[in-house]
Amino acid sequence: MAASQDASRQNLLVSPSMAITLTKSLMGVFVGGVTLWYLVTPYLVQPHEKFNKDFETYVSGLSEHENEPFLIENWTKWKLLLGDATQNFTVDSFHSVSFNSLGNQINNISAAFEWRSEYKNVIVRSEKGLSVTKEEPWYSQYGLYNHYYIQYTSTGGVRYLPRFMFGVPYGTLEELYGGADNIPITGLLSESPSTDRMALQCVMNMVTMTVIFLLYINNPPKPSTKKED
């Protein structure tokens, strides 16, 4: 009996207590890593540079800022709300409004998108043109939450432009690229989604090997016993 137990101990890759510690540690790393991945990735996503350049060129060909100074242009698919509860204006998607048309007594006005009321801007008029002061939460600077940017025009106006393609109507994307096959797509960790898929597959292979290792150390092979004559 003692000889059988000694042989069994010799077949163990690690001790039972060490096996339990390794199992708990690796499971903690796996669960923590997956949780951290889902929490962090929205802050890491970046738009494709080609889309931003293509859309800015597209907007430049349609904009009327040369004919109207101090123009507030909304080139997103969302409504831009100007003013407050007592005096307010709406700039619809792919529309613009002249700041001068809002009233001679108004020198500054608040602005926010209809679905992002916490992303507040203050548009200020001066002799040189319009300027924008942002009053936004800290996370608005990162990833998907940084979903628009402001561009100043030569005639003193401002443009609200989307950083990501989800801020543009699908019909406009078709007009730009002629279909989904030509739409520029970037990866999260690299410049192409295919490289991201390879990296993710490597991680999944490591997880599979880790599970096999944990199963082995917690269920070691039993020593073979020979019957005595």
C-alpha atoms as a PDB file:
ATOM      1  CA  MET A   1       0.000   0.000   0.000  1.00  0.00           C
ATOM      2  CA  ALA A   2       2.786   2.403   0.935  1.00  0.00           C
ATOM      3  CA  ALA A   3       4.668   1.506  -2.225  1.00  0.00           C
ATOM      4  CA  SER A   4       1.547   2.298  -4.276  1.00  0.00           C
ATOM      5  CA  GLN A   5       1.194   5.745  -2.634  1.00  0.00           C
ATOM      6  CA  ASP A   6       4.885   6.494  -3.211  1.00  0.00           C
ATOM      7  CA  ALA A   7       4.523   5.593  -6.882  1.00  0.00           C
ATOM      8  CA  SER A   8       1.428   7.760  -7.132  1.00  0.00           C
ATOM      9  CA  ARG A   9       3.281  10.726  -5.642  1.00  0.00           C
ATOM     10  CA  GLN A  10       6.121  10.227  -8.079  1.00  0.00           C
ATOM     11  CA  ASN A  11       3.663  10.485 -11.020  1.00  0.00           C
ATOM     12  CA  LEU A  12       2.390  13.851  -9.847  1.00  0.00           C
ATOM     13  CA  LEU A  13       3.728  16.768 -11.888  1.00  0.00           C
ATOM     14  CA  VAL A  14       3.073  19.123  -8.951  1.00  0.00           C
ATOM     15  CA  SER A  15       1.798  18.633  -5.447  1.00  0.00           C
ATOM     16  CA  PRO A  16      -1.994  18.736  -4.843  1.00  0.00           C
ATOM     17  CA  SER A  17      -1.727  22.034  -2.941  1.00  0.00           C
ATOM     18  CA  MET A  18       0.344  23.559  -5.735  1.00  0.00           C
ATOM     19  CA  ALA A  19      -2.170  22.296  -8.310  1.00  0.00           C
ATOM     20  CA  ILE A  20      -4.999  24.074  -6.467  1.00  0.00           C
ATOM     21  CA  THR A  21      -2.945  27.285  -6.221  1.00  0.00           C
ATOM     22  CA  LEU A  22      -2.068  27.210  -9.920  1.00  0.00           C
ATOM     23  CA  THR A  23      -5.686  26.539 -10.878  1.00  0.00           C
ATOM     24  CA  LYS A  24      -7.024  29.451  -8.850  1.00  0.00           C
ATOM     25  CA  SER A  25      -4.276  31.783 -10.055  1.00  0.00           C
ATOM     26  CA  LEU A  26      -4.686  30.975 -13.753  1.00  0.00           C
ATOM     27  CA  MET A  27      -8.478  31.176 -13.518  1.00  0.00           C
ATOM     28  CA  GLY A  28      -8.131  34.575 -11.840  1.00  0.00           C
ATOM     29  CA  VAL A  29      -5.793  35.770 -14.604  1.00  0.00           C
ATOM     30  CA  PHE A  30      -8.188  34.508 -17.293  1.00  0.00           C
ATOM     31  CA  VAL A  31     -11.343  36.026 -15.772  1.00  0.00           C
ATOM     32  CA  GLY A  32      -9.552  39.275 -14.936  1.00  0.00           C
ATOM     33  CA  GLY A  33      -8.023  39.501 -18.410  1.00  0.00           C
ATOM     34  CA  VAL A  34     -11.342  38.987 -20.195  1.00  0.00           C
ATOM     35  CA  THR A  35     -13.093  41.497 -17.919  1.00  0.00           C
ATOM     36  CA  LEU A  36     -10.321  44.066 -18.414  1.00  0.00           C
ATOM     37  CA  TRP A  37     -10.449  43.523 -22.185  1.00  0.00           C
ATOM     38  CA  TYR A  38     -14.162  44.324 -22.383  1.00  0.00           C
ATOM     39  CA  LEU A  39     -13.745  47.339 -20.100  1.00  0.00           C
ATOM     40  CA  VAL A  40     -10.740  48.856 -21.890  1.00  0.00           C
ATOM     41  CA  THR A  41     -11.353  48.164 -25.596  1.00  0.00           C
ATOM     42  CA  PRO A  42     -14.032  50.893 -26.076  1.00  0.00           C
ATOM     43  CA  TYR A  43     -11.392  53.432 -25.020  1.00  0.00           C
ATOM     44  CA  LEU A  44      -8.773  52.059 -27.456  1.00  0.00           C
ATOM     45  CA  VAL A  45     -10.773  52.030 -30.702  1.00  0.00           C
ATOM     46  CA  GLN A  46      -9.550  54.502 -33.326  1.00  0.00           C
ATOM     47  CA  PRO A  47     -11.068  55.546 -36.679  1.00  0.00           C
ATOM     48  CA  HIS A  48      -9.453  54.775 -40.006  1.00  0.00           C
ATOM     49  CA  GLU A  49      -7.361  57.722 -41.247  1.00  0.00           C
ATOM     50  CA  LYS A  50      -8.565  57.229 -44.822  1.00  0.00           C
ATOM     51  CA  PHE A  51     -12.185  57.674 -43.797  1.00  0.00           C
ATOM     52  CA  ASN A  52     -11.451  60.992 -42.060  1.00  0.00           C
ATOM     53  CA  LYS A  53      -9.558  62.317 -45.092  1.00  0.00           C
ATOM     54  CA  ASP A  54     -12.197  61.112 -47.556  1.00  0.00           C
ATOM     55  CA  PHE A  55     -15.049  62.586 -45.548  1.00  0.00           C
ATOM     56  CA  GLU A  56     -13.326  65.948 -45.089  1.00  0.00           C
ATOM     57  CA  THR A  57     -12.817  66.119 -48.861  1.00  0.00           C
ATOM     58  CA  TYR A  58     -16.469  65.187 -49.395  1.00  0.00           C
ATOM     59  CA  VAL A  59     -17.641  67.896 -46.970  1.00  0.00           C
ATOM     60  CA  SER A  60     -15.409  70.550 -48.540  1.00  0.00           C
ATOM     61  CA  GLY A  61     -17.154  70.023 -51.866  1.00  0.00           C
ATOM     62  CA  LEU A  62     -20.622  70.487 -50.355  1.00  0.00           C
ATOM     63  CA  SER A  63     -20.023  73.176 -47.731  1.00  0.00           C
ATOM     64  CA  GLU A  64     -21.386  76.704 -48.293  1.00  0.00           C
ATOM     65  CA  HIS A  65     -19.071  78.383 -45.785  1.00  0.00           C
ATOM     66  CA  GLU A  66     -17.480  80.574 -48.497  1.00  0.00           C
ATOM     67  CA  ASN A  67     -20.864  82.215 -49.139  1.00  0.00           C
ATOM     68  CA  GLU A  68     -21.861  82.616 -45.487  1.00  0.00           C
ATOM     69  CA  PRO A  69     -19.507  83.715 -42.671  1.00  0.00           C
ATOM     70  CA  PHE A  70     -19.828  82.497 -39.070  1.00  0.00           C
ATOM     71  CA  LEU A  71     -21.540  79.303 -40.192  1.00  0.00           C
ATOM     72  CA  ILE A  72     -22.274  76.413 -37.787  1.00  0.00           C
ATOM     73  CA  GLU A  73     -22.186  73.221 -39.856  1.00  0.00           C
ATOM     74  CA  ASN A  74     -23.417  69.824 -38.683  1.00  0.00           C
ATOM     75  CA  TRP A  75     -21.991  66.987 -40.798  1.00  0.00           C
ATOM     76  CA  THR A  76     -23.026  64.154 -38.495  1.00  0.00           C
ATOM     77  CA  LYS A  77     -26.182  62.035 -38.644  1.00  0.00           C
ATOM     78  CA  TRP A  78     -27.357  63.459 -35.301  1.00  0.00           C
ATOM     79  CA  LYS A  79     -29.223  66.680 -34.573  1.00  0.00           C
ATOM     80  CA  LEU A  80     -27.189  69.489 -33.035  1.00  0.00           C
ATOM     81  CA  LEU A  81     -29.167  71.386 -30.387  1.00  0.00           C
ATOM     82  CA  LEU A  82     -28.282  75.026 -29.788  1.00  0.00           C
ATOM     83  CA  GLY A  83     -29.381  77.207 -26.907  1.00  0.00           C
ATOM     84  CA  ASP A  84     -31.281  76.399 -23.730  1.00  0.00           C
ATOM     85  CA  ALA A  85     -34.858  75.731 -22.637  1.00  0.00           C
ATOM     86  CA  THR A  86     -35.966  79.340 -23.180  1.00  0.00           C
ATOM     87  CA  GLN A  87     -34.301  79.976 -26.533  1.00  0.00           C
ATOM     88  CA  ASN A  88     -33.204  77.061 -28.672  1.00  0.00           C
ATOM     89  CA  PHE A  89     -32.410  76.138 -32.268  1.00  0.00           C
ATOM     90  CA  THR A  90     -31.840  72.835 -34.051  1.00  0.00           C
ATOM     91  CA  VAL A  91     -29.258  72.134 -36.736  1.00  0.00           C
ATOM     92  CA  ASP A  92     -30.373  68.999 -38.549  1.00  0.00           C
ATOM     93  CA  SER A  93     -28.054  66.385 -39.980  1.00  0.00           C
ATOM     94  CA  PHE A  94     -26.025  67.684 -42.967  1.00  0.00           C
ATOM     95  CA  HIS A  95     -27.428  71.187 -42.442  1.00  0.00           C
ATOM     96  CA  SER A  96     -25.962  74.478 -41.259  1.00  0.00           C
ATOM     97  CA  VAL A  97     -27.067  77.733 -39.686  1.00  0.00           C
ATOM     98  CA  SER A  98     -25.443  81.142 -39.573  1.00  0.00           C
ATOM     99  CA  PHE A  99     -24.583  82.361 -36.088  1.00  0.00           C
ATOM    100  CA  ASN A 100     -25.598  85.864 -37.183  1.00  0.00           C
ATOM    101  CA  SER A 101     -29.117  84.627 -37.907  1.00  0.00           C
ATOM    102  CA  LEU A 102     -29.592  83.587 -34.263  1.00  0.00           C
ATOM    103  CA  GLY A 103     -29.799  87.202 -33.132  1.00  0.00           C
ATOM    104  CA  ASN A 104     -27.553  90.207 -32.753  1.00  0.00           C
ATOM    105  CA  GLN A 105     -27.759  90.052 -28.963  1.00  0.00           C
ATOM    106  CA  ILE A 106     -26.310  86.528 -28.802  1.00  0.00           C
ATOM    107  CA  ASN A 107     -22.527  86.339 -28.544  1.00  0.00           C
ATOM    108  CA  ASN A 108     -22.294  82.811 -27.158  1.00  0.00           C
ATOM    109  CA  ILE A 109     -24.579  79.814 -27.237  1.00  0.00           C
ATOM    110  CA  SER A 110     -24.445  76.290 -25.855  1.00  0.00           C
ATOM    111  CA  ALA A 111     -24.426  73.291 -28.181  1.00  0.00           C
ATOM    112  CA  ALA A 112     -24.940  69.562 -27.678  1.00  0.00           C
ATOM    113  CA  PHE A 113     -25.995  66.570 -29.734  1.00  0.00           C
ATOM    114  CA  GLU A 114     -29.482  65.218 -29.113  1.00  0.00           C
ATOM    115  CA  TRP A 115     -28.217  61.879 -27.776  1.00  0.00           C
ATOM    116  CA  ARG A 116     -25.227  63.232 -25.861  1.00  0.00           C
ATOM    117  CA  SER A 117     -26.543  66.000 -23.642  1.00  0.00           C
ATOM    118  CA  GLU A 118     -23.532  65.654 -21.300  1.00  0.00           C
ATOM    119  CA  TYR A 119     -21.200  66.597 -24.187  1.00  0.00           C
ATOM    120  CA  LYS A 120     -21.689  70.345 -23.856  1.00  0.00           C
ATOM    121  CA  ASN A 121     -20.011  72.991 -26.012  1.00  0.00           C
ATOM    122  CA  VAL A 122     -20.123  76.756 -25.849  1.00  0.00           C
ATOM    123  CA  ILE A 123     -19.837  78.508 -29.221  1.00  0.00           C
ATOM    124  CA  VAL A 124     -18.499  82.058 -28.827  1.00  0.00           C
ATOM    125  CA  ARG A 125     -18.622  84.759 -31.488  1.00  0.00           C
ATOM    126  CA  SER A 126     -15.815  87.311 -31.832  1.00  0.00           C
ATOM    127  CA  GLU A 127     -14.561  89.604 -34.574  1.00  0.00           C
ATOM    128  CA  LYS A 128     -12.168  86.919 -35.830  1.00  0.00           C
ATOM    129  CA  GLY A 129     -14.814  84.226 -35.996  1.00  0.00           C
ATOM    130  CA  LEU A 130     -16.397  81.471 -33.941  1.00  0.00           C
ATOM    131  CA  SER A 131     -14.578  79.496 -31.266  1.00  0.00           C
ATOM    132  CA  VAL A 132     -15.715  76.467 -29.299  1.00  0.00           C
ATOM    133  CA  THR A 133     -15.113  75.666 -25.644  1.00  0.00           C
ATOM    134  CA  LYS A 134     -15.784  72.078 -24.637  1.00  0.00           C
ATOM    135  CA  GLU A 135     -17.340  71.091 -21.317  1.00  0.00           C
ATOM    136  CA  GLU A 136     -17.275  67.309 -21.614  1.00  0.00           C
ATOM    137  CA  PRO A 137     -16.591  64.327 -19.316  1.00  0.00           C
ATOM    138  CA  TRP A 138     -13.060  62.914 -19.123  1.00  0.00           C
ATOM    139  CA  TYR A 139     -13.863  59.790 -21.142  1.00  0.00           C
ATOM    140  CA  SER A 140     -14.946  61.863 -24.156  1.00  0.00           C
ATOM    141  CA  GLN A 141     -11.277  62.043 -25.198  1.00  0.00           C
ATOM    142  CA  TYR A 142     -10.873  58.305 -25.740  1.00  0.00           C
ATOM    143  CA  GLY A 143     -11.969  55.683 -28.269  1.00  0.00           C
ATOM    144  CA  LEU A 144     -15.612  55.357 -29.198  1.00  0.00           C
ATOM    145  CA  TYR A 145     -16.585  58.083 -26.748  1.00  0.00           C
ATOM    146  CA  ASN A 146     -14.570  60.608 -28.755  1.00  0.00           C
ATOM    147  CA  HIS A 147     -17.039  60.331 -31.611  1.00  0.00           C
ATOM    148  CA  TYR A 148     -16.809  63.801 -33.192  1.00  0.00           C
ATOM    149  CA  TYR A 149     -14.376  66.653 -33.677  1.00  0.00           C
ATOM    150  CA  ILE A 150     -14.587  70.335 -34.605  1.00  0.00           C
ATOM    151  CA  GLN A 151     -12.974  71.931 -37.629  1.00  0.00           C
ATOM    152  CA  TYR A 152     -12.645  75.688 -38.135  1.00  0.00           C
ATOM    153  CA  THR A 153     -13.284  77.194 -41.560  1.00  0.00           C
ATOM    154  CA  SER A 154     -11.560  80.100 -43.308  1.00  0.00           C
ATOM    155  CA  THR A 155     -14.678  82.303 -43.018  1.00  0.00           C
ATOM    156  CA  GLY A 156     -14.887  82.085 -39.220  1.00  0.00           C
ATOM    157  CA  GLY A 157     -17.287  79.164 -39.008  1.00  0.00           C
ATOM    158  CA  VAL A 158     -17.146  75.772 -37.297  1.00  0.00           C
ATOM    159  CA  ARG A 159     -17.876  72.256 -38.529  1.00  0.00           C
ATOM    160  CA  TYR A 160     -18.992  69.313 -36.440  1.00  0.00           C
ATOM    161  CA  LEU A 161     -17.525  66.211 -38.092  1.00  0.00           C
ATOM    162  CA  PRO A 162     -17.795  62.531 -37.079  1.00  0.00           C
ATOM    163  CA  ARG A 163     -14.619  60.620 -36.222  1.00  0.00           C
ATOM    164  CA  PHE A 164     -16.158  57.217 -36.901  1.00  0.00           C
ATOM    165  CA  MET A 165     -18.289  55.866 -39.725  1.00  0.00           C
ATOM    166  CA  PHE A 166     -21.209  55.182 -37.373  1.00  0.00           C
ATOM    167  CA  GLY A 167     -21.686  58.960 -37.234  1.00  0.00           C
ATOM    168  CA  VAL A 168     -22.457  59.120 -40.971  1.00  0.00           C
ATOM    169  CA  PRO A 169     -25.668  57.965 -42.750  1.00  0.00           C
ATOM    170  CA  TYR A 170     -25.200  54.687 -44.613  1.00  0.00           C
ATOM    171  CA  GLY A 171     -26.238  56.299 -47.886  1.00  0.00           C
ATOM    172  CA  THR A 172     -23.314  58.705 -47.619  1.00  0.00           C
ATOM    173  CA  LEU A 173     -20.887  55.830 -47.070  1.00  0.00           C
ATOM    174  CA  GLU A 174     -22.223  54.133 -50.199  1.00  0.00           C
ATOM    175  CA  GLU A 175     -21.756  57.380 -52.098  1.00  0.00           C
ATOM    176  CA  LEU A 176     -18.163  57.610 -50.885  1.00  0.00           C
ATOM    177  CA  TYR A 177     -17.086  53.990 -51.337  1.00  0.00           C
ATOM    178  CA  GLY A 178     -19.692  52.345 -53.566  1.00  0.00           C
ATOM    179  CA  GLY A 179     -20.419  49.475 -51.183  1.00  0.00           C
ATOM    180  CA  ALA A 180     -19.316  47.642 -48.063  1.00  0.00           C
ATOM    181  CA  ASP A 181     -16.400  45.899 -49.799  1.00  0.00           C
ATOM    182  CA  ASN A 182     -14.534  49.189 -50.327  1.00  0.00           C
ATOM    183  CA  ILE A 183     -15.097  50.680 -46.873  1.00  0.00           C
ATOM    184  CA  PRO A 184     -11.736  51.161 -45.059  1.00  0.00           C
ATOM    185  CA  ILE A 185     -11.564  49.122 -41.862  1.00  0.00           C
ATOM    186  CA  THR A 186      -8.812  49.189 -39.266  1.00  0.00           C
ATOM    187  CA  GLY A 187      -8.042  46.683 -36.544  1.00  0.00           C
ATOM    188  CA  LEU A 188      -8.103  47.293 -32.815  1.00  0.00           C
ATOM    189  CA  LEU A 189      -4.534  46.194 -32.135  1.00  0.00           C
ATOM    190  CA  SER A 190      -3.087  46.509 -35.629  1.00  0.00           C
ATOM    191  CA  GLU A 191      -3.724  48.155 -38.981  1.00  0.00           C
ATOM    192  CA  SER A 192      -5.871  45.293 -40.325  1.00  0.00           C
ATOM    193  CA  PRO A 193      -8.640  43.089 -38.869  1.00  0.00           C
ATOM    194  CA  SER A 194      -6.917  39.942 -40.193  1.00  0.00           C
ATOM    195  CA  THR A 195      -3.884  40.573 -37.969  1.00  0.00           C
ATOM    196  CA  ASP A 196      -6.223  41.107 -35.013  1.00  0.00           C
ATOM    197  CA  ARG A 197      -7.914  37.778 -35.756  1.00  0.00           C
ATOM    198  CA  MET A 198      -4.543  35.993 -35.801  1.00  0.00           C
ATOM    199  CA  ALA A 199      -3.564  37.545 -32.466  1.00  0.00           C
ATOM    200  CA  LEU A 200      -6.918  36.570 -30.953  1.00  0.00           C
ATOM    201  CA  GLN A 201      -6.528  33.018 -32.259  1.00  0.00           C
ATOM    202  CA  CYS A 202      -3.108  32.769 -30.615  1.00  0.00           C
ATOM    203  CA  VAL A 203      -4.602  33.877 -27.309  1.00  0.00           C
ATOM    204  CA  MET A 204      -7.398  31.308 -27.597  1.00  0.00           C
ATOM    205  CA  ASN A 205      -4.817  28.585 -28.328  1.00  0.00           C
ATOM    206  CA  MET A 206      -2.942  29.583 -25.171  1.00  0.00           C
ATOM    207  CA  VAL A 207      -6.185  29.376 -23.185  1.00  0.00           C
ATOM    208  CA  THR A 208      -6.854  25.893 -24.583  1.00  0.00           C
ATOM    209  CA  MET A 209      -3.369  24.670 -23.648  1.00  0.00           C
ATOM    210  CA  THR A 210      -3.770  26.168 -20.175  1.00  0.00           C
ATOM    211  CA  VAL A 211      -7.057  24.301 -19.653  1.00  0.00           C
ATOM    212  CA  ILE A 212      -5.413  21.024 -20.747  1.00  0.00           C
ATOM    213  CA  PHE A 213      -2.539  21.661 -18.335  1.00  0.00           C
ATOM    214  CA  LEU A 214      -4.916  22.341 -15.430  1.00  0.00           C
ATOM    215  CA  LEU A 215      -6.883  19.184 -16.183  1.00  0.00           C
ATOM    216  CA  TYR A 216      -3.668  17.183 -16.224  1.00  0.00           C
ATOM    217  CA  ILE A 217      -2.249  18.438 -12.911  1.00  0.00           C
ATOM    218  CA  ASN A 218      -5.600  17.995 -11.162  1.00  0.00           C
ATOM    219  CA  ASN A 219      -6.171  14.521 -12.646  1.00  0.00           C
ATOM    220  CA  PRO A 220      -2.749  12.870 -12.996  1.00  0.00           C
ATOM    221  CA  PRO A 221      -2.518   9.412 -14.616  1.00  0.00           C
ATOM    222  CA  LYS A 222      -2.768   6.543 -12.169  1.00  0.00           C
ATOM    223  CA  PRO A 223       0.188   4.108 -11.939  1.00  0.00           C
ATOM    224  CA  SER A 224      -0.386   0.703 -13.487  1.00  0.00           C
ATOM    225  CA  THR A 225      -0.509  -2.216 -10.989  1.00  0.00           C
ATOM    226  CA  LYS A 226       0.581  -5.765 -11.753  1.00  0.00           C
ATOM    227  CA  LYS A 227      -1.119  -8.738 -10.205  1.00  0.00           C
ATOM    228  CA  GLU A 228       1.172 -10.876  -8.094  1.00  0.00           C
ATOM    229  CA  ASP A 229       1.273 -14.625  -8.807  1.00  0.00           C
END
